[in-house]
Amino acid sequence: MLFIEENLFSLVMALFFSFLLSFALTPLVKKLANKAGAIDVPDSVRHIHDSPTERMGGLAIFIGFSFGLFLLPEFTRELRGVIYGAVLLVVCGIVDDIRPLPPLLKLLVQIIAAIFAMSHGVVIEHLRFFSFSGGAYVMNLGIFSFLFTLLWIVGITNALNLIDGLDGLAASLSIVSAATMLVIAISLCDIDVSIMLLALIGALLGFLPYNSHPAKIFMGDTGSLFLGYILSTVSIQGAFKLHTAITFLVPFLALALPVLDTALAFFRRLKEKQNPMHADKKHLHHRLLDYGFNQKEAVSLMTMVSSLLGLFSLTMATEGRVRLIAIYILYVCTSLMGFLIYNTIKTVKQRRTDAHLEENDDAQA
């Protein structure tokens, strides 16, 4: 594509510099977190790791991402609003990683960060849906646009925060979501959003080697709040601007796993008459562990499912050659991932059976 050829240097450098900086800074952030007391101690409520592990790794992601933004042609009004909110959430995350803050206070900070973005033009003004009569139905949100945008930003921010329960899970799902939105941004020839997403992907790839199981450092709220906020605001600047009949479905499918997991957790806690803001061990990734998956298998399974959903959204959001390529890749990946998922589940079932037989043998002995 002509757009890629004209901007190839900026796109590649955004990915490369953010990766390099994040990779180099993560060990330093680990030492800083240790000195600051930002350490995650295992407990029985939500955490499943065996030994104390430093948090606050999201600071390296944020710095790597920020330096990638220097390759942008200009700092637009929308971008400034997003950065103001991101800085606020990173500061909030750092404080929370050192000394946990009350859930309602963190929610208030998320709302303020969302208002920063909205006041600078990051607003969902309309939605497009399929029309039974053909074409698309456009729903202008009008006075509800700010409320809908607020719910979207705060909802996605919380979703990424809550799904950060396994080594490398939040980072992997964020990479998939960002890559999905990147294809859309490139198809729209949006250089600003493309560079932002590549900077985010690069920073996450630089952090992931330290965060994969067994994790040497966690991103903490510093990272998960930042990631959710950036993905939600960038989706408004990119995917929601599509002139197709599925503007809402594209970012939703790209972020489907964390969104659905959070929604189910919220209603489950209300049904059980529990505080919906309190953590538990009933999220999807916890249930996979209870079923017999290990951390690597659970993360791989959820990442593959998220990838398929992202590819499916691209088949609806793109046109012409790009859509044909997306459909072909979706077909190949569905076949390959279906085989991998089947084998993984088969292995887990066999492991459960073997463990059950061993328990019976021990009981008889």
Protein backbone atom coordinates (compact mmCIF):
# COMPACT_ATOMS: atom_id res chain seq x y z
CA MET A 1 0.00 0.00 0.00
CA LEU A 2 1.12 3.53 -0.78
CA PHE A 3 0.37 4.64 2.79
CA ILE A 4 2.80 2.07 4.23
CA GLU A 5 5.51 2.92 1.69
CA GLU A 6 5.29 6.64 2.44
CA ASN A 7 5.38 6.16 6.21
CA LEU A 8 7.47 2.99 6.49
CA PHE A 9 10.35 4.63 8.38
CA SER A 10 8.11 6.20 11.04
CA LEU A 11 6.07 3.02 11.47
CA VAL A 12 9.10 0.75 11.84
CA MET A 13 10.94 3.14 14.15
CA ALA A 14 7.89 3.52 16.41
CA LEU A 15 7.82 -0.25 16.85
CA PHE A 16 11.60 -0.62 17.21
CA PHE A 17 12.31 2.23 19.63
CA SER A 18 9.39 1.43 21.93
CA PHE A 19 10.44 -2.23 22.02
CA LEU A 20 14.08 -1.42 22.72
CA LEU A 21 13.32 1.08 25.46
CA SER A 22 10.75 -1.11 27.19
CA PHE A 23 13.04 -4.14 27.06
CA ALA A 24 15.99 -2.16 28.45
CA LEU A 25 14.03 -0.35 31.15
CA THR A 26 12.06 -3.27 32.61
CA PRO A 27 14.98 -4.62 34.73
CA LEU A 28 15.58 -1.09 36.05
CA VAL A 29 11.89 -0.67 36.86
CA LYS A 30 12.02 -4.03 38.68
CA LYS A 31 14.80 -2.68 40.94
CA LEU A 32 12.90 0.57 41.46
CA ALA A 33 9.74 -1.35 42.38
CA ASN A 34 11.69 -3.43 44.89
CA LYS A 35 13.08 -0.32 46.58
CA ALA A 36 9.67 1.38 46.59
CA GLY A 37 7.97 -1.66 48.10
CA ALA A 38 5.78 -2.32 45.06
CA ILE A 39 5.81 -6.06 45.64
CA ASP A 40 2.95 -8.49 45.07
CA VAL A 41 2.76 -10.98 47.94
CA PRO A 42 0.78 -14.21 47.24
CA ASP A 43 -2.57 -14.52 49.01
CA SER A 44 -5.72 -16.59 48.78
CA VAL A 45 -8.00 -13.92 47.33
CA ARG A 46 -6.87 -13.49 43.75
CA HIS A 47 -3.13 -14.02 43.35
CA ILE A 48 -1.84 -17.43 42.28
CA HIS A 49 1.94 -16.95 42.10
CA ASP A 50 4.20 -18.72 44.59
CA SER A 51 6.71 -16.06 45.60
CA PRO A 52 6.74 -12.27 46.11
CA THR A 53 7.08 -10.52 42.74
CA GLU A 54 7.69 -6.87 41.90
CA ARG A 55 4.83 -4.89 40.40
CA MET A 56 4.88 -1.54 38.55
CA GLY A 57 6.29 -3.02 35.30
CA GLY A 58 3.75 -0.93 33.41
CA LEU A 59 6.05 2.05 33.95
CA ALA A 60 8.50 0.57 31.41
CA ILE A 61 5.62 0.02 28.97
CA PHE A 62 4.45 3.61 29.40
CA ILE A 63 7.93 5.11 28.88
CA GLY A 64 8.59 2.94 25.82
CA PHE A 65 5.22 3.89 24.37
CA SER A 66 5.75 7.60 25.08
CA PHE A 67 9.07 7.75 23.25
CA GLY A 68 7.49 6.07 20.23
CA LEU A 69 5.07 9.00 20.01
CA PHE A 70 7.91 11.38 19.12
CA LEU A 71 7.67 9.95 15.60
CA LEU A 72 4.18 11.41 15.19
CA PRO A 73 3.91 14.20 12.59
CA GLU A 74 2.21 16.42 15.19
CA PHE A 75 0.64 16.24 18.64
CA THR A 76 -3.03 16.74 17.88
CA ARG A 77 -5.58 18.05 20.36
CA GLU A 78 -7.05 14.55 20.73
CA LEU A 79 -3.63 13.06 21.43
CA ARG A 80 -2.86 15.64 24.10
CA GLY A 81 -6.09 14.78 25.91
CA VAL A 82 -5.28 11.07 25.78
CA ILE A 83 -1.75 11.64 27.10
CA TYR A 84 -3.00 13.80 30.00
CA GLY A 85 -5.37 11.03 31.05
CA ALA A 86 -2.70 8.34 30.57
CA VAL A 87 -0.22 10.17 32.80
CA LEU A 88 -2.89 10.52 35.50
CA LEU A 89 -3.65 6.79 35.40
CA VAL A 90 0.02 5.81 35.42
CA VAL A 91 0.59 7.94 38.53
CA CYS A 92 -2.50 6.39 40.12
CA GLY A 93 -1.23 2.92 39.18
CA ILE A 94 2.21 3.55 40.67
CA VAL A 95 0.68 4.70 43.97
CA ASP A 96 -1.69 1.71 43.98
CA ASP A 97 1.12 -0.74 43.27
CA ILE A 98 3.04 0.61 46.27
CA ARG A 99 0.08 1.01 48.63
CA PRO A 100 -3.34 -0.24 47.42
CA LEU A 101 -5.94 2.49 46.94
CA PRO A 102 -9.68 2.15 47.64
CA PRO A 103 -11.57 0.86 44.55
CA LEU A 104 -13.88 3.88 44.47
CA LEU A 105 -10.92 6.28 44.43
CA LYS A 106 -9.40 4.41 41.47
CA LEU A 107 -12.76 4.55 39.70
CA LEU A 108 -12.89 8.31 40.26
CA VAL A 109 -9.41 8.70 38.74
CA GLN A 110 -10.50 6.65 35.72
CA ILE A 111 -13.51 8.92 35.24
CA ILE A 112 -11.30 12.02 35.42
CA ALA A 113 -8.89 10.49 32.87
CA ALA A 114 -11.83 9.76 30.56
CA ILE A 115 -13.03 13.36 30.92
CA PHE A 116 -9.55 14.58 29.90
CA ALA A 117 -9.84 12.61 26.65
CA MET A 118 -13.46 13.60 25.98
CA SER A 119 -12.81 17.29 26.59
CA HIS A 120 -10.16 17.13 23.85
CA GLY A 121 -12.46 15.62 21.24
CA VAL A 122 -12.18 11.86 21.87
CA VAL A 123 -15.91 11.18 21.74
CA ILE A 124 -18.12 8.48 20.21
CA GLU A 125 -20.67 10.59 18.35
CA HIS A 126 -22.56 7.88 16.47
CA LEU A 127 -22.84 4.14 15.94
CA ARG A 128 -23.47 2.24 12.73
CA PHE A 129 -25.49 -0.98 12.59
CA PHE A 130 -26.69 -3.34 9.89
CA SER A 131 -30.05 -2.34 8.48
CA PHE A 132 -32.62 -4.99 7.55
CA SER A 133 -33.55 -2.87 4.54
CA GLY A 134 -29.95 -2.94 3.32
CA GLY A 135 -27.02 -0.63 3.91
CA ALA A 136 -26.39 0.79 7.35
CA TYR A 137 -28.38 2.41 10.10
CA VAL A 138 -26.61 5.32 11.78
CA MET A 139 -27.58 6.13 15.35
CA ASN A 140 -26.47 9.60 16.43
CA LEU A 141 -25.87 9.54 20.16
CA GLY A 142 -26.42 13.27 20.60
CA ILE A 143 -26.42 14.30 24.24
CA PHE A 144 -25.69 10.69 25.24
CA SER A 145 -22.37 10.63 23.36
CA PHE A 146 -20.37 11.74 26.40
CA LEU A 147 -22.07 9.19 28.67
CA PHE A 148 -21.53 6.37 26.16
CA THR A 149 -17.88 7.39 25.70
CA LEU A 150 -17.35 7.55 29.46
CA LEU A 151 -18.81 4.08 29.94
CA TRP A 152 -16.68 2.71 27.09
CA ILE A 153 -13.38 4.16 28.37
CA VAL A 154 -13.96 3.30 32.03
CA GLY A 155 -15.36 -0.13 31.12
CA ILE A 156 -12.39 -1.15 28.96
CA THR A 157 -9.93 0.28 31.48
CA ASN A 158 -11.45 -1.88 34.21
CA ALA A 159 -11.67 -4.91 31.93
CA LEU A 160 -7.92 -4.94 31.28
CA ASN A 161 -7.27 -4.32 34.95
CA LEU A 162 -9.38 -7.29 36.06
CA ILE A 163 -8.10 -9.76 33.47
CA ASP A 164 -4.47 -9.20 34.51
CA GLY A 165 -4.44 -12.39 36.58
CA LEU A 166 -2.01 -14.72 34.76
CA ASP A 167 1.58 -14.22 33.67
CA GLY A 168 1.58 -12.50 30.28
CA LEU A 169 -2.20 -12.60 29.83
CA ALA A 170 -3.03 -8.87 29.81
CA ALA A 171 0.01 -8.10 27.65
CA SER A 172 -0.82 -10.85 25.13
CA LEU A 173 -4.48 -9.88 24.80
CA SER A 174 -3.50 -6.21 24.47
CA ILE A 175 -1.07 -7.03 21.65
CA VAL A 176 -3.82 -8.90 19.79
CA SER A 177 -6.30 -6.06 20.27
CA ALA A 178 -3.76 -3.42 19.24
CA ALA A 179 -2.75 -5.43 16.15
CA THR A 180 -6.40 -5.72 15.11
CA MET A 181 -6.92 -1.98 15.44
CA LEU A 182 -3.62 -1.36 13.64
CA VAL A 183 -4.89 -3.08 10.49
CA ILE A 184 -7.98 -0.87 10.60
CA ALA A 185 -5.89 2.29 11.16
CA ILE A 186 -3.67 1.43 8.19
CA SER A 187 -6.72 0.77 6.01
CA LEU A 188 -7.97 4.25 6.98
CA CYS A 189 -4.50 5.73 6.26
CA ASP A 190 -4.46 7.16 9.80
CA ILE A 191 -0.77 7.75 10.57
CA ASP A 192 -1.36 9.05 14.12
CA VAL A 193 -3.32 6.03 15.32
CA SER A 194 -1.00 3.65 13.44
CA ILE A 195 2.10 5.02 15.17
CA MET A 196 0.38 4.99 18.57
CA LEU A 197 -0.60 1.35 18.16
CA LEU A 198 2.83 0.30 16.89
CA ALA A 199 4.46 2.10 19.82
CA LEU A 200 2.12 0.24 22.17
CA ILE A 201 2.79 -3.13 20.52
CA GLY A 202 6.55 -2.53 20.62
CA ALA A 203 6.48 -1.57 24.30
CA LEU A 204 4.43 -4.68 25.13
CA LEU A 205 6.73 -6.97 23.15
CA GLY A 206 9.70 -5.52 25.05
CA PHE A 207 8.00 -6.17 28.38
CA LEU A 208 6.55 -9.63 27.62
CA PRO A 209 9.82 -11.64 28.00
CA TYR A 210 9.97 -10.53 31.64
CA ASN A 211 6.24 -11.06 32.22
CA SER A 212 5.78 -14.49 30.62
CA HIS A 213 5.45 -17.46 32.97
CA PRO A 214 7.22 -17.63 35.34
CA ALA A 215 6.99 -13.83 35.54
CA LYS A 216 9.97 -11.88 36.85
CA ILE A 217 7.82 -8.74 37.18
CA PHE A 218 4.13 -7.84 36.93
CA MET A 219 2.80 -4.83 35.06
CA GLY A 220 0.61 -4.02 38.06
CA ASP A 221 -2.13 -1.42 37.97
CA THR A 222 0.47 0.93 36.47
CA GLY A 223 0.31 -1.16 33.31
CA SER A 224 -3.21 -2.58 33.23
CA LEU A 225 -4.96 0.76 33.83
CA PHE A 226 -2.75 2.41 31.21
CA LEU A 227 -3.35 -0.34 28.63
CA GLY A 228 -7.11 -0.35 29.05
CA TYR A 229 -7.25 3.42 28.78
CA ILE A 230 -5.05 3.61 25.67
CA LEU A 231 -6.87 0.79 23.86
CA SER A 232 -10.28 2.31 24.63
CA THR A 233 -9.34 5.82 23.51
CA VAL A 234 -7.43 4.68 20.42
CA SER A 235 -10.39 2.53 19.36
CA ILE A 236 -12.54 5.67 19.43
CA GLN A 237 -10.06 7.47 17.18
CA GLY A 238 -9.74 4.48 14.85
CA ALA A 239 -12.32 1.68 14.76
CA PHE A 240 -15.32 3.84 15.64
CA LYS A 241 -14.58 6.06 12.62
CA LEU A 242 -15.13 3.23 10.15
CA HIS A 243 -17.66 3.99 7.44
CA THR A 244 -19.06 0.49 7.62
CA ALA A 245 -22.13 -0.98 9.23
CA ILE A 246 -20.34 -2.45 12.23
CA THR A 247 -18.45 0.36 13.94
CA PHE A 248 -19.34 -0.88 17.41
CA LEU A 249 -18.64 -4.57 16.76
CA VAL A 250 -15.04 -4.08 15.60
CA PRO A 251 -13.54 -2.67 18.82
CA PHE A 252 -15.89 -4.86 20.86
CA LEU A 253 -14.67 -8.07 19.19
CA ALA A 254 -11.06 -6.92 19.43
CA LEU A 255 -11.51 -6.56 23.20
CA ALA A 256 -14.21 -9.21 23.62
CA LEU A 257 -12.54 -11.52 26.15
CA PRO A 258 -11.70 -8.92 28.81
CA VAL A 259 -15.02 -7.11 28.25
CA LEU A 260 -17.17 -10.24 28.58
CA ASP A 261 -15.14 -11.57 31.49
CA THR A 262 -15.59 -8.28 33.36
CA ALA A 263 -19.32 -8.09 32.59
CA LEU A 264 -19.88 -11.65 33.81
CA ALA A 265 -17.84 -10.97 36.96
CA PHE A 266 -19.85 -7.83 37.69
CA PHE A 267 -23.26 -9.54 37.39
CA ARG A 268 -22.03 -12.67 39.20
CA ARG A 269 -20.96 -10.64 42.22
CA LEU A 270 -24.22 -8.72 42.26
CA LYS A 271 -26.16 -12.00 42.10
CA GLU A 272 -24.12 -13.37 45.01
CA LYS A 273 -24.72 -10.09 46.90
CA GLN A 274 -21.02 -9.25 46.89
CA ASN A 275 -19.27 -5.95 46.23
CA PRO A 276 -18.72 -5.90 42.42
CA MET A 277 -15.48 -3.96 42.99
CA HIS A 278 -13.88 -6.72 45.10
CA ALA A 279 -11.54 -9.28 43.52
CA ASP A 280 -12.23 -13.02 43.43
CA LYS A 281 -10.96 -16.21 41.82
CA LYS A 282 -13.88 -16.84 39.47
CA HIS A 283 -12.64 -15.11 36.32
CA LEU A 284 -12.31 -17.11 33.11
CA HIS A 285 -8.56 -17.61 33.56
CA HIS A 286 -9.08 -18.88 37.11
CA ARG A 287 -11.71 -21.35 35.89
CA LEU A 288 -9.29 -22.65 33.25
CA LEU A 289 -6.71 -23.26 35.98
CA ASP A 290 -9.32 -25.04 38.10
CA TYR A 291 -10.18 -27.24 35.11
CA GLY A 292 -6.55 -28.36 34.83
CA PHE A 293 -4.84 -25.92 32.48
CA ASN A 294 -1.47 -24.59 33.54
CA GLN A 295 -0.71 -20.88 33.19
CA LYS A 296 0.99 -21.15 29.79
CA GLU A 297 -1.84 -23.25 28.36
CA ALA A 298 -4.54 -20.92 29.71
CA VAL A 299 -2.80 -17.82 28.33
CA SER A 300 -2.21 -19.50 24.96
CA LEU A 301 -5.85 -20.62 24.71
CA MET A 302 -7.26 -17.18 25.55
CA THR A 303 -4.80 -15.47 23.19
CA MET A 304 -5.77 -17.78 20.33
CA VAL A 305 -9.48 -17.19 20.90
CA SER A 306 -8.89 -13.43 21.05
CA SER A 307 -6.88 -13.62 17.81
CA LEU A 308 -9.71 -15.41 16.02
CA LEU A 309 -12.21 -12.80 17.21
CA GLY A 310 -9.88 -10.04 16.03
CA LEU A 311 -9.49 -11.65 12.61
CA PHE A 312 -13.26 -12.11 12.35
CA SER A 313 -13.79 -8.41 13.07
CA LEU A 314 -11.35 -7.54 10.27
CA THR A 315 -13.38 -9.54 7.75
CA MET A 316 -16.29 -7.20 8.51
CA ALA A 317 -14.33 -3.96 8.81
CA THR A 318 -12.22 -4.11 5.66
CA GLU A 319 -12.93 -4.19 1.94
CA GLY A 320 -11.43 -5.47 -1.30
CA ARG A 321 -8.06 -7.20 -1.19
CA VAL A 322 -7.55 -6.58 2.53
CA ARG A 323 -10.82 -8.35 3.33
CA LEU A 324 -9.90 -11.32 1.12
CA ILE A 325 -6.54 -11.60 2.87
CA ALA A 326 -8.24 -11.37 6.28
CA ILE A 327 -10.73 -14.10 5.32
CA TYR A 328 -7.93 -16.37 4.07
CA ILE A 329 -5.85 -15.84 7.22
CA LEU A 330 -8.94 -16.41 9.38
CA TYR A 331 -9.61 -19.70 7.58
CA VAL A 332 -6.02 -20.91 7.98
CA CYS A 333 -5.75 -19.75 11.59
CA THR A 334 -9.12 -21.25 12.53
CA SER A 335 -8.00 -24.63 11.21
CA LEU A 336 -4.59 -24.42 12.88
CA MET A 337 -5.81 -22.99 16.18
CA GLY A 338 -8.72 -25.43 16.27
CA PHE A 339 -6.20 -28.28 16.07
CA LEU A 340 -4.01 -26.71 18.77
CA ILE A 341 -6.97 -26.01 21.07
CA TYR A 342 -8.24 -29.58 20.61
CA ASN A 343 -4.83 -31.04 21.49
CA THR A 344 -4.45 -28.73 24.48
CA ILE A 345 -7.86 -29.69 25.89
CA LYS A 346 -7.12 -33.37 25.20
CA THR A 347 -3.82 -33.07 27.10
CA VAL A 348 -5.52 -31.35 30.03
CA LYS A 349 -8.23 -34.04 30.20
CA GLN A 350 -5.59 -36.78 30.18
CA ARG A 351 -3.70 -34.97 32.93
CA ARG A 352 -6.89 -34.77 35.02
CA THR A 353 -7.56 -38.47 34.47
CA ASP A 354 -4.02 -39.44 35.47
CA ALA A 355 -4.21 -37.27 38.58
CA HIS A 356 -7.56 -38.86 39.53
CA LEU A 357 -6.13 -42.38 39.10
CA GLU A 358 -3.13 -41.48 41.25
CA GLU A 359 -5.45 -40.20 43.98
CA ASN A 360 -7.43 -43.46 43.89
CA ASP A 361 -4.23 -45.53 44.06
CA ASP A 362 -2.99 -43.50 47.04
CA ALA A 363 -6.36 -43.89 48.77
CA GLN A 364 -6.35 -47.67 48.28
CA ALA A 365 -2.76 -47.91 49.48
